[in-house]
Amino acid sequence: MSRRTVHRRPVCRRAVLRASLAAVPVAALGSALVACEDRGADLVMAEEAPVTTGLGAASPTDVSLAVVAAVFSSARTVAVASEETAEAFAAILGDARIPLLVGTTPPVADQLERLGARTVVTAPGTDVASVAGDREILEVDPAAADAAKTLPAVTADDRPAPLALVLDPGVPTPACTVARANATAGGARIVDCAGGDPRSTSDTVAAVREAAGEDPARGVLAVGEPCGSTETLTARLAMALTAAELPGGGQTAFTSRRMVATYGSPGIPSLGVLGEQDLEATIRRTQELAAEYEPFSDLPVIPALEIIATVASSQPGPDNDYSTTIDPATLRPWVDAAGAAGVYVVLDLQPGRTNFLTQAKVFEELLAEPHVGLALDSEWRLAPDEVHLEQIGSVTGAEINETASWLADLTRDRELPQKVLILHQFSRSMISDRQSIDTSRPELAITVHADGHGTPDLKLGTWQNLQKDLPPGIVMSWKNFYDEDTPTFTPEETYAIEPRPWFVSYQ
């Protein structure tokens, strides 16, 4: 049901009507009123794309103001809701082409003025007098079964608003619901992104490319805490507009895919299953292994190779670092063949007495490929007086950050999609100062890889222990051992683990 309260004077907020009527000739006044009445469509979209803005966890009021300002140039009918009725109104206003503002603050009144609103739709009992002024007030119960039928008919221009609205469908907050309704009313593009990241899938990348053109600083609004700040959003958009896509589509490692990998080093069967067969057979085996996980996954499962690129050694070697570096040229055919087959690659470093950054730089050109990430194997990071298998290695958070910063800069400078950065760990002591690890770089997807082997109870105990005090922004990954686990987890058992691992490798 609805009820109309008729306004006492026509509302056309133009300077000519604010002037003294006595000073305006009758003919001129008539022309002004006709101009006000003859504005064409009831709803007119904005002509210019807005400045790209990440609204994060802003309130429904602030979100409604920002989206309405970005989407609409003018609107004769506008709804004003309280926070209690905003979601109910959002459910009926988008298709009705009526903008929705939330609250009765002065900025809401300013938006009504800017839009040239004549009718304010609100719920019975909502006091909108402070913002509605002398406009017509139409009371509509948004929860009523026939509420949509009682709304005014609106004619809209046929231009969609020059805007892409980024939302995380997994976080349907009231603010996101309000934003979605206003974008729908304006015919704007709505981009649902898992994790609030426009790089997440091929579809979202295409959508923001179309909206933003070549300028990530214009054309996109993002609502919801996962979408991040304006700075984060702009950095993600810059990547979305230029970077290649990962195997499986999109540019983020773990929002829209999981990975299953074979682990080892080419031609060295003792180091893992990856080295038990030639290149072609390894890719085929990895693809078949990943396919075994598909029935139990909520997301596509992408095959991956985790290649040990520097191998821990029992001998000091010419560099006295107890690590043997495989020539990048030897690994190039593996990297190229994997990319052609839609298989991701992670280069694993076992640095001995040197540091991770020194070794990572050796593989810079391989890491410059869009489908190649990096793993830091802290078990094999020795202090100057340590030897493999006599001591378990460890790494500081500072060294991880130094390596991660270099990798993130490489990713940014080469205009690459997000890179996987794996931190191998089975004991808390293997990474000191873990809370200091910087997870702020959007170029990287960081995961702690639980390397423990043995019985299910031992492995799950390690899994739970490694999650204690895990820095926000780091996800969990898992390793299955064919020989050392008793028994080896099945794909179904592996994906029954909570939280479900994003990266699973087999050794």
Protein backbone atom coordinates (compact mmCIF):
# COMPACT_ATOMS: atom_id res chain seq x y z
CA MET A 1 0.00 0.00 0.00
CA SER A 2 1.12 3.57 -0.59
CA ARG A 3 0.12 7.03 0.49
CA ARG A 4 0.89 10.35 -1.23
CA THR A 5 1.61 13.59 0.57
CA VAL A 6 1.39 16.36 -2.04
CA HIS A 7 4.07 19.03 -1.99
CA ARG A 8 3.03 22.64 -1.67
CA ARG A 9 5.09 24.12 -4.50
CA PRO A 10 6.82 22.84 -7.63
CA VAL A 11 10.39 21.75 -6.98
CA CYS A 12 12.95 22.79 -9.53
CA ARG A 13 16.14 23.80 -7.74
CA ARG A 14 17.43 26.39 -10.12
CA ALA A 15 18.75 29.81 -9.37
CA VAL A 16 15.98 31.53 -11.36
CA LEU A 17 13.35 30.19 -8.97
CA ARG A 18 15.32 31.23 -5.92
CA ALA A 19 15.32 34.84 -7.06
CA SER A 20 12.58 37.28 -6.16
CA LEU A 21 9.59 36.47 -8.36
CA ALA A 22 8.76 40.16 -8.55
CA ALA A 23 12.05 40.79 -10.29
CA VAL A 24 11.34 38.24 -13.02
CA PRO A 25 9.02 39.06 -15.95
CA VAL A 26 6.04 36.73 -16.22
CA ALA A 27 7.12 35.52 -19.66
CA ALA A 28 10.58 34.72 -18.40
CA LEU A 29 9.18 32.88 -15.39
CA GLY A 30 6.92 30.85 -17.65
CA SER A 31 9.92 29.90 -19.80
CA ALA A 32 11.88 28.85 -16.77
CA LEU A 33 9.06 26.63 -15.50
CA VAL A 34 8.63 25.03 -18.91
CA ALA A 35 12.35 24.34 -19.07
CA CYS A 36 12.16 22.74 -15.65
CA GLU A 37 9.21 20.54 -16.63
CA ASP A 38 10.58 19.59 -20.04
CA ARG A 39 13.67 17.70 -19.01
CA GLY A 40 13.01 14.64 -21.15
CA ALA A 41 13.41 11.33 -19.30
CA ASP A 42 12.57 11.04 -15.61
CA LEU A 43 15.97 9.46 -15.02
CA VAL A 44 19.15 10.65 -16.72
CA MET A 45 22.49 8.89 -16.34
CA ALA A 46 25.81 10.53 -15.67
CA GLU A 47 27.84 11.33 -18.76
CA GLU A 48 31.35 11.04 -17.35
CA ALA A 49 32.93 8.03 -15.69
CA PRO A 50 33.59 8.65 -12.00
CA VAL A 51 36.97 8.58 -10.33
CA THR A 52 37.80 4.99 -9.38
CA THR A 53 37.04 4.53 -5.69
CA GLY A 54 37.30 1.66 -3.25
CA LEU A 55 34.56 2.19 -0.68
CA GLY A 56 35.58 -0.78 1.47
CA ALA A 57 33.36 -1.25 4.51
CA ALA A 58 31.62 2.14 4.19
CA SER A 59 28.15 2.56 5.67
CA PRO A 60 24.97 2.12 3.61
CA THR A 61 24.47 5.89 3.75
CA ASP A 62 27.92 6.70 2.41
CA VAL A 63 27.72 3.99 -0.24
CA SER A 64 24.31 5.19 -1.43
CA LEU A 65 25.59 8.74 -1.75
CA ALA A 66 28.72 7.69 -3.65
CA VAL A 67 26.95 5.38 -6.09
CA VAL A 68 24.05 7.74 -6.76
CA ALA A 69 26.48 10.58 -7.42
CA ALA A 70 28.46 8.39 -9.84
CA VAL A 71 25.49 6.88 -11.70
CA PHE A 72 22.81 9.57 -12.06
CA SER A 73 22.76 13.06 -13.51
CA SER A 74 19.12 13.76 -12.62
CA ALA A 75 16.13 11.88 -11.24
CA ARG A 76 12.56 13.08 -10.71
CA THR A 77 11.78 10.23 -8.29
CA VAL A 78 14.21 9.21 -5.54
CA ALA A 79 13.74 6.87 -2.60
CA VAL A 80 15.00 7.77 0.87
CA ALA A 81 15.18 4.83 3.27
CA SER A 82 16.30 4.28 6.81
CA GLU A 83 18.99 1.68 7.44
CA GLU A 84 16.20 -0.62 8.65
CA THR A 85 14.24 -0.43 5.39
CA ALA A 86 17.13 0.02 2.93
CA GLU A 87 17.49 -3.64 1.94
CA ALA A 88 13.76 -4.10 1.45
CA PHE A 89 13.64 -1.05 -0.79
CA ALA A 90 16.72 -2.21 -2.67
CA ALA A 91 14.85 -5.37 -3.64
CA ILE A 92 12.21 -3.41 -5.57
CA LEU A 93 13.86 -0.17 -6.71
CA GLY A 94 16.53 -1.41 -9.10
CA ASP A 95 14.11 -2.77 -11.68
CA ALA A 96 11.85 0.25 -11.11
CA ARG A 97 14.76 2.56 -12.12
CA ILE A 98 14.50 4.61 -8.91
CA PRO A 99 17.70 5.77 -7.13
CA LEU A 100 18.01 4.88 -3.45
CA LEU A 101 19.53 7.08 -0.74
CA VAL A 102 19.89 5.97 2.86
CA GLY A 103 19.50 8.24 5.87
CA THR A 104 18.42 11.82 6.45
CA THR A 105 21.78 13.55 6.70
CA PRO A 106 22.53 16.89 4.98
CA PRO A 107 24.45 15.13 2.16
CA VAL A 108 21.27 13.21 1.33
CA ALA A 109 19.40 16.51 1.04
CA ASP A 110 22.20 17.82 -1.20
CA GLN A 111 21.85 14.82 -3.52
CA LEU A 112 18.09 15.32 -3.80
CA GLU A 113 18.78 18.91 -4.74
CA ARG A 114 21.43 17.99 -7.31
CA LEU A 115 19.17 15.40 -8.91
CA GLY A 116 16.25 17.79 -9.15
CA ALA A 117 14.03 15.29 -7.35
CA ARG A 118 10.29 16.03 -7.23
CA THR A 119 8.99 12.92 -5.49
CA VAL A 120 10.54 11.18 -2.49
CA VAL A 121 9.57 7.56 -1.93
CA THR A 122 9.89 6.36 1.65
CA ALA A 123 8.43 3.84 4.08
CA PRO A 124 5.49 4.71 6.34
CA GLY A 125 6.71 6.16 9.60
CA THR A 126 10.06 7.34 8.22
CA ASP A 127 10.60 11.02 8.94
CA VAL A 128 12.16 12.50 5.81
CA ALA A 129 10.98 16.07 6.35
CA SER A 130 14.51 17.36 6.98
CA VAL A 131 15.67 16.27 3.53
CA ALA A 132 12.47 16.18 1.46
CA GLY A 133 11.48 19.79 2.00
CA ASP A 134 8.33 20.58 -0.01
CA ARG A 135 8.69 17.65 -2.41
CA GLU A 136 5.88 15.18 -2.88
CA ILE A 137 6.26 12.28 -0.44
CA LEU A 138 5.03 8.87 -1.51
CA GLU A 139 4.87 6.31 1.29
CA VAL A 140 5.37 2.70 0.21
CA ASP A 141 5.69 -0.34 2.41
CA PRO A 142 8.64 -2.11 0.74
CA ALA A 143 7.74 -5.40 2.41
CA ALA A 144 4.22 -5.46 0.95
CA ALA A 145 3.54 -8.07 -1.71
CA ASP A 146 2.39 -5.41 -4.18
CA ALA A 147 4.99 -2.79 -3.26
CA ALA A 148 6.62 -2.74 -6.68
CA LYS A 149 3.26 -2.06 -8.34
CA THR A 150 2.67 1.07 -6.26
CA LEU A 151 5.92 2.75 -7.33
CA PRO A 152 5.77 5.60 -9.86
CA ALA A 153 6.44 4.70 -13.47
CA VAL A 154 9.83 6.05 -14.53
CA THR A 155 11.12 6.75 -18.02
CA ALA A 156 14.88 6.49 -18.28
CA ASP A 157 17.28 7.54 -20.98
CA ASP A 158 18.78 4.66 -22.90
CA ARG A 159 22.40 5.33 -21.96
CA PRO A 160 23.83 3.00 -19.33
CA ALA A 161 25.82 4.71 -16.61
CA PRO A 162 29.56 4.77 -17.48
CA LEU A 163 30.50 2.70 -14.46
CA ALA A 164 31.47 -0.78 -13.36
CA LEU A 165 30.45 -1.68 -9.81
CA VAL A 166 32.66 -4.34 -8.24
CA LEU A 167 31.09 -6.47 -5.51
CA ASP A 168 32.00 -9.66 -3.66
CA PRO A 169 28.92 -11.90 -3.95
CA GLY A 170 30.11 -13.83 -0.91
CA VAL A 171 29.69 -10.76 1.32
CA PRO A 172 26.12 -9.47 0.76
CA THR A 173 26.17 -6.61 3.26
CA PRO A 174 23.39 -3.97 3.36
CA ALA A 175 25.77 -1.48 1.77
CA CYS A 176 26.50 -3.88 -1.10
CA THR A 177 22.78 -4.52 -1.58
CA VAL A 178 22.10 -0.78 -1.80
CA ALA A 179 24.96 -0.32 -4.26
CA ARG A 180 23.69 -3.16 -6.44
CA ALA A 181 20.18 -1.65 -6.54
CA ASN A 182 21.48 1.74 -7.64
CA ALA A 183 23.75 0.26 -10.27
CA THR A 184 20.81 -1.78 -11.61
CA ALA A 185 18.61 1.29 -11.74
CA GLY A 186 21.27 3.09 -13.76
CA GLY A 187 22.01 0.21 -16.11
CA ALA A 188 25.61 0.18 -14.90
CA ARG A 189 27.75 -2.92 -15.28
CA ILE A 190 27.87 -5.04 -12.11
CA VAL A 191 30.96 -7.19 -11.71
CA ASP A 192 30.68 -9.95 -9.12
CA CYS A 193 34.22 -10.86 -8.08
CA ALA A 194 35.16 -13.66 -5.72
CA GLY A 195 37.10 -12.05 -2.91
CA GLY A 196 36.20 -8.61 -4.25
CA ASP A 197 39.10 -8.69 -6.70
CA PRO A 198 38.42 -7.68 -10.33
CA ARG A 199 41.32 -9.85 -11.47
CA SER A 200 39.66 -13.07 -10.29
CA THR A 201 38.24 -14.50 -13.55
CA SER A 202 38.36 -13.95 -17.30
CA ASP A 203 34.85 -12.47 -17.12
CA THR A 204 35.70 -9.95 -14.41
CA VAL A 205 38.91 -8.95 -16.16
CA ALA A 206 36.98 -8.36 -19.40
CA ALA A 207 34.30 -6.37 -17.56
CA VAL A 208 36.66 -3.94 -15.86
CA ARG A 209 38.73 -3.58 -19.03
CA GLU A 210 35.61 -2.47 -20.86
CA ALA A 211 34.59 -0.10 -18.07
CA ALA A 212 37.95 1.48 -17.35
CA GLY A 213 39.38 1.49 -20.85
CA GLU A 214 43.05 2.32 -20.52
CA ASP A 215 42.73 4.34 -17.32
CA PRO A 216 42.45 2.41 -14.02
CA ALA A 217 41.86 5.72 -12.21
CA ARG A 218 38.37 6.16 -13.68
CA GLY A 219 35.19 4.18 -14.19
CA VAL A 220 35.11 1.69 -11.30
CA LEU A 221 33.56 1.69 -7.84
CA ALA A 222 34.09 -1.22 -5.46
CA VAL A 223 31.97 -1.84 -2.37
CA GLY A 224 32.68 -4.21 0.50
CA GLU A 225 35.62 -4.79 2.82
CA PRO A 226 37.23 -7.50 0.61
CA CYS A 227 37.48 -4.97 -2.23
CA GLY A 228 39.93 -2.90 -0.21
CA SER A 229 40.89 0.75 -0.35
CA THR A 230 41.07 2.99 -3.41
CA GLU A 231 44.83 2.41 -3.53
CA THR A 232 44.39 -1.37 -3.48
CA LEU A 233 41.60 -1.26 -6.06
CA THR A 234 43.59 0.95 -8.43
CA ALA A 235 46.62 -1.34 -8.20
CA ARG A 236 44.47 -4.37 -8.96
CA LEU A 237 42.84 -2.60 -11.90
CA ALA A 238 46.21 -1.61 -13.33
CA MET A 239 47.10 -5.30 -13.41
CA ALA A 240 43.70 -6.28 -14.80
CA LEU A 241 44.09 -3.88 -17.73
CA THR A 242 47.54 -5.06 -18.80
CA ALA A 243 48.52 -8.49 -17.47
CA ALA A 244 48.17 -11.86 -19.14
CA GLU A 245 45.84 -14.39 -17.56
CA LEU A 246 46.77 -17.47 -15.55
CA PRO A 247 46.00 -21.06 -16.52
CA GLY A 248 42.26 -21.38 -15.99
CA GLY A 249 41.64 -17.66 -16.60
CA GLY A 250 41.83 -14.54 -14.48
CA GLN A 251 44.88 -13.05 -12.84
CA THR A 252 44.63 -14.01 -9.16
CA ALA A 253 46.07 -17.27 -7.98
CA PHE A 254 43.59 -18.53 -5.43
CA THR A 255 40.27 -16.68 -5.59
CA SER A 256 38.82 -18.66 -8.47
CA ARG A 257 40.96 -21.80 -8.68
CA ARG A 258 42.77 -24.38 -6.59
CA MET A 259 45.97 -26.14 -7.66
CA VAL A 260 47.23 -29.71 -7.44
CA ALA A 261 50.92 -30.27 -8.17
CA THR A 262 53.54 -32.93 -8.62
CA TYR A 263 56.76 -32.09 -6.76
CA GLY A 264 60.39 -32.88 -7.54
CA SER A 265 63.23 -32.11 -9.91
CA PRO A 266 63.59 -33.20 -13.55
CA GLY A 267 65.55 -36.43 -13.94
CA ILE A 268 66.00 -37.03 -10.20
CA PRO A 269 63.38 -39.62 -9.13
CA SER A 270 64.56 -39.67 -5.52
CA LEU A 271 63.40 -36.07 -5.00
CA GLY A 272 59.75 -36.65 -5.88
CA VAL A 273 57.24 -37.87 -8.41
CA LEU A 274 57.91 -35.03 -10.84
CA GLY A 275 61.29 -36.59 -11.70
CA GLU A 276 60.02 -40.15 -12.16
CA GLN A 277 59.14 -39.72 -15.84
CA ASP A 278 59.95 -37.46 -18.77
CA LEU A 279 58.43 -34.03 -19.38
CA GLU A 280 55.48 -35.09 -21.50
CA ALA A 281 54.54 -37.92 -19.12
CA THR A 282 54.90 -35.62 -16.10
CA ILE A 283 52.44 -33.10 -17.52
CA ARG A 284 49.99 -35.86 -18.36
CA ARG A 285 50.34 -37.41 -14.88
CA THR A 286 49.81 -34.02 -13.23
CA GLN A 287 46.73 -33.28 -15.30
CA GLU A 288 45.24 -36.65 -14.38
CA LEU A 289 46.02 -36.07 -10.71
CA ALA A 290 44.34 -32.65 -10.72
CA ALA A 291 41.29 -34.16 -12.43
CA GLU A 292 40.87 -36.57 -9.50
CA TYR A 293 40.18 -33.56 -7.28
CA GLU A 294 37.52 -31.96 -9.47
CA PRO A 295 34.55 -33.96 -8.04
CA PHE A 296 35.35 -32.69 -4.54
CA SER A 297 36.14 -29.06 -5.33
CA ASP A 298 34.03 -25.92 -5.21
CA LEU A 299 36.34 -24.32 -7.76
CA PRO A 300 38.20 -25.42 -10.90
CA VAL A 301 41.37 -27.41 -10.08
CA ILE A 302 44.43 -26.40 -12.11
CA PRO A 303 47.40 -28.77 -12.52
CA ALA A 304 50.80 -27.47 -11.42
CA LEU A 305 54.45 -28.47 -11.31
CA GLU A 306 56.53 -27.60 -8.26
CA ILE A 307 60.08 -27.90 -9.58
CA ILE A 308 63.04 -27.96 -7.20
CA ALA A 309 65.28 -25.44 -8.96
CA THR A 310 68.05 -25.34 -6.34
CA VAL A 311 68.69 -28.66 -4.62
CA ALA A 312 69.99 -28.99 -1.05
CA SER A 313 73.33 -30.80 -1.10
CA SER A 314 75.35 -32.79 1.42
CA GLN A 315 78.52 -31.23 -0.04
CA PRO A 316 79.51 -27.56 0.24
CA GLY A 317 80.11 -27.21 -3.52
CA PRO A 318 82.21 -24.53 -5.22
CA ASP A 319 80.22 -21.73 -3.56
CA ASN A 320 80.32 -23.41 -0.13
CA ASP A 321 76.57 -22.97 0.09
CA TYR A 322 75.45 -26.64 0.23
CA SER A 323 73.05 -26.02 -2.64
CA THR A 324 73.16 -27.05 -6.30
CA THR A 325 71.56 -24.65 -8.75
CA ILE A 326 69.97 -26.14 -11.85
CA ASP A 327 70.73 -24.13 -14.97
CA PRO A 328 67.64 -22.07 -15.90
CA ALA A 329 68.16 -23.20 -19.50
CA THR A 330 67.58 -26.78 -18.35
CA LEU A 331 64.25 -25.79 -16.82
CA ARG A 332 63.10 -23.61 -19.71
CA PRO A 333 61.56 -26.50 -21.73
CA TRP A 334 59.59 -27.57 -18.65
CA VAL A 335 58.30 -24.06 -18.06
CA ASP A 336 57.37 -23.55 -21.71
CA ALA A 337 55.67 -26.93 -22.10
CA ALA A 338 53.70 -26.43 -18.89
CA GLY A 339 52.49 -23.01 -20.04
CA ALA A 340 51.37 -24.42 -23.38
CA ALA A 341 49.44 -27.17 -21.58
CA GLY A 342 47.70 -24.82 -19.13
CA VAL A 343 49.82 -26.01 -16.20
CA TYR A 344 51.11 -23.62 -13.51
CA VAL A 345 54.77 -23.83 -12.41
CA VAL A 346 56.36 -23.09 -9.04
CA LEU A 347 60.16 -22.90 -8.72
CA ASP A 348 61.26 -24.26 -5.34
CA LEU A 349 64.43 -22.93 -3.71
CA GLN A 350 66.57 -24.92 -1.24
CA PRO A 351 69.32 -22.35 -0.69
CA GLY A 352 71.58 -23.93 1.92
CA ARG A 353 73.90 -21.30 3.35
CA THR A 354 73.05 -18.58 0.83
CA ASN A 355 69.82 -16.58 0.93
CA PHE A 356 66.55 -16.85 -0.97
CA LEU A 357 66.83 -13.55 -2.80
CA THR A 358 70.24 -14.37 -4.26
CA GLN A 359 68.90 -17.63 -5.68
CA ALA A 360 65.58 -16.16 -6.84
CA LYS A 361 67.39 -13.63 -9.00
CA VAL A 362 69.10 -16.45 -10.90
CA PHE A 363 65.66 -17.44 -12.23
CA GLU A 364 64.39 -13.95 -13.00
CA GLU A 365 63.61 -14.65 -16.66
CA LEU A 366 61.66 -17.80 -15.79
CA LEU A 367 59.81 -15.94 -13.05
CA ALA A 368 58.97 -13.27 -15.62
CA GLU A 369 56.65 -15.80 -17.26
CA PRO A 370 53.01 -15.20 -16.26
CA HIS A 371 52.42 -18.79 -15.11
CA VAL A 372 55.51 -19.17 -12.88
CA GLY A 373 55.57 -18.65 -9.10
CA LEU A 374 58.12 -19.19 -6.33
CA ALA A 375 58.51 -21.43 -3.26
CA LEU A 376 60.83 -20.75 -0.34
CA ASP A 377 61.79 -24.04 1.35
CA SER A 378 62.89 -22.93 4.79
CA GLU A 379 63.83 -26.46 5.90
CA TRP A 380 66.88 -26.12 3.65
CA ARG A 381 67.89 -22.55 4.59
CA LEU A 382 71.03 -23.06 6.72
CA ALA A 383 72.89 -20.80 9.10
CA PRO A 384 76.63 -20.34 8.33
CA ASP A 385 77.69 -23.26 10.58
CA GLU A 386 74.82 -25.67 9.83
CA VAL A 387 74.68 -28.76 7.60
CA HIS A 388 71.65 -30.40 5.96
CA LEU A 389 70.05 -33.31 7.83
CA GLU A 390 72.00 -32.41 10.97
CA GLN A 391 69.94 -29.27 11.57
CA ILE A 392 66.54 -28.15 10.32
CA GLY A 393 66.91 -24.84 8.55
CA SER A 394 64.96 -21.66 9.20
CA VAL A 395 64.39 -18.22 7.73
CA THR A 396 63.50 -14.84 9.17
CA GLY A 397 60.43 -12.85 8.29
CA ALA A 398 62.77 -10.08 7.11
CA GLU A 399 64.39 -12.34 4.51
CA ILE A 400 61.00 -13.51 3.30
CA ASN A 401 59.89 -9.88 2.95
CA GLU A 402 63.03 -8.96 1.04
CA THR A 403 62.47 -11.79 -1.44
CA ALA A 404 58.72 -11.16 -1.64
CA SER A 405 59.26 -7.46 -2.32
CA TRP A 406 61.64 -8.24 -5.17
CA LEU A 407 59.15 -10.74 -6.64
CA ALA A 408 56.26 -8.28 -6.30
CA ASP A 409 58.27 -5.54 -7.99
CA LEU A 410 59.17 -7.91 -10.82
CA THR A 411 55.49 -8.80 -11.22
CA ARG A 412 54.46 -5.15 -11.28
CA ASP A 413 57.24 -3.97 -13.58
CA ARG A 414 56.74 -6.78 -16.10
CA GLU A 415 52.94 -6.32 -15.97
CA LEU A 416 52.34 -9.91 -14.88
CA PRO A 417 49.37 -11.58 -13.20
CA GLN A 418 49.52 -12.35 -9.50
CA LYS A 419 52.22 -14.83 -8.47
CA VAL A 420 52.02 -17.68 -6.02
CA LEU A 421 54.57 -17.40 -3.21
CA ILE A 422 54.78 -20.63 -1.18
CA LEU A 423 56.37 -20.72 2.27
CA HIS A 424 57.22 -24.33 3.15
CA GLN A 425 56.91 -25.10 6.85
CA PHE A 426 56.27 -28.01 9.19
CA SER A 427 57.54 -26.47 12.43
CA ARG A 428 56.80 -23.04 13.88
CA SER A 429 60.55 -22.50 14.41
CA MET A 430 61.25 -22.72 10.66
CA ILE A 431 59.97 -19.18 10.08
CA SER A 432 60.90 -16.72 12.80
CA ASP A 433 58.94 -13.51 13.20
CA ARG A 434 56.16 -14.84 10.98
CA GLN A 435 53.85 -12.04 12.10
CA SER A 436 56.16 -9.56 10.39
CA ILE A 437 55.57 -11.01 6.92
CA ASP A 438 54.19 -8.31 4.63
CA THR A 439 50.98 -9.48 2.93
CA SER A 440 50.01 -6.11 1.50
CA ARG A 441 51.35 -6.52 -2.04
CA PRO A 442 48.49 -7.32 -4.44
CA GLU A 443 51.00 -8.84 -6.86
CA LEU A 444 51.47 -11.89 -4.60
CA ALA A 445 49.29 -14.71 -3.26
CA ILE A 446 51.15 -16.02 -0.21
CA THR A 447 50.49 -19.49 1.19
CA VAL A 448 52.01 -21.52 4.03
CA HIS A 449 52.56 -25.06 2.79
CA ALA A 450 52.26 -27.69 5.53
CA ASP A 451 55.07 -30.14 4.77
CA GLY A 452 54.55 -32.59 7.63
CA HIS A 453 54.34 -36.32 6.87
CA GLY A 454 53.34 -39.42 8.81
CA THR A 455 50.02 -40.58 10.22
CA PRO A 456 46.82 -38.61 9.68
CA ASP A 457 46.85 -37.46 13.30
CA LEU A 458 50.41 -36.16 13.01
CA LYS A 459 49.69 -34.36 9.75
CA LEU A 460 46.50 -32.77 11.04
CA GLY A 461 48.29 -31.72 14.23
CA THR A 462 50.91 -29.92 12.13
CA TRP A 463 48.13 -28.39 10.02
CA GLN A 464 46.37 -26.93 13.05
CA ASN A 465 49.59 -25.75 14.68
CA LEU A 466 50.72 -23.83 11.61
CA GLN A 467 47.47 -21.87 11.52
CA LYS A 468 48.00 -20.38 14.97
CA ASP A 469 48.76 -16.66 14.67
CA LEU A 470 48.79 -16.94 10.87
CA PRO A 471 49.04 -13.39 9.48
CA PRO A 472 45.91 -12.18 7.67
CA GLY A 473 46.29 -12.54 3.93
CA ILE A 474 48.14 -15.87 4.04
CA VAL A 475 46.23 -19.00 3.04
CA MET A 476 46.98 -22.67 3.74
CA SER A 477 48.33 -25.42 1.48
CA TRP A 478 49.00 -29.14 1.96
CA LYS A 479 51.46 -31.84 0.90
CA ASN A 480 50.78 -35.55 0.39
CA PHE A 481 53.65 -38.05 0.47
CA TYR A 482 53.33 -41.33 -1.43
CA ASP A 483 55.97 -43.14 0.67
CA GLU A 484 56.21 -41.35 4.03
CA ASP A 485 52.48 -40.90 4.77
CA THR A 486 50.70 -43.85 6.41
CA PRO A 487 48.37 -43.87 4.57
CA THR A 488 48.42 -41.22 1.85
CA PHE A 489 45.31 -39.06 1.95
CA THR A 490 42.88 -39.56 -0.93
CA PRO A 491 41.69 -36.52 -2.92
CA GLU A 492 38.37 -36.66 -1.09
CA GLU A 493 40.09 -36.82 2.31
CA THR A 494 42.46 -34.01 1.35
CA TYR A 495 39.64 -31.67 0.38
CA ALA A 496 37.71 -32.58 3.52
CA ILE A 497 40.39 -30.80 5.57
CA GLU A 498 39.37 -27.46 7.09
CA PRO A 499 40.18 -24.97 5.77
CA ARG A 500 40.29 -26.61 2.36
CA PRO A 501 43.86 -26.35 0.98
CA TRP A 502 44.41 -24.00 -1.93
CA PHE A 503 47.55 -25.74 -3.19
CA VAL A 504 48.16 -29.49 -2.82
CA SER A 505 51.44 -31.09 -3.86
CA TYR A 506 52.56 -34.71 -4.12
CA GLN A 507 56.07 -35.92 -3.34
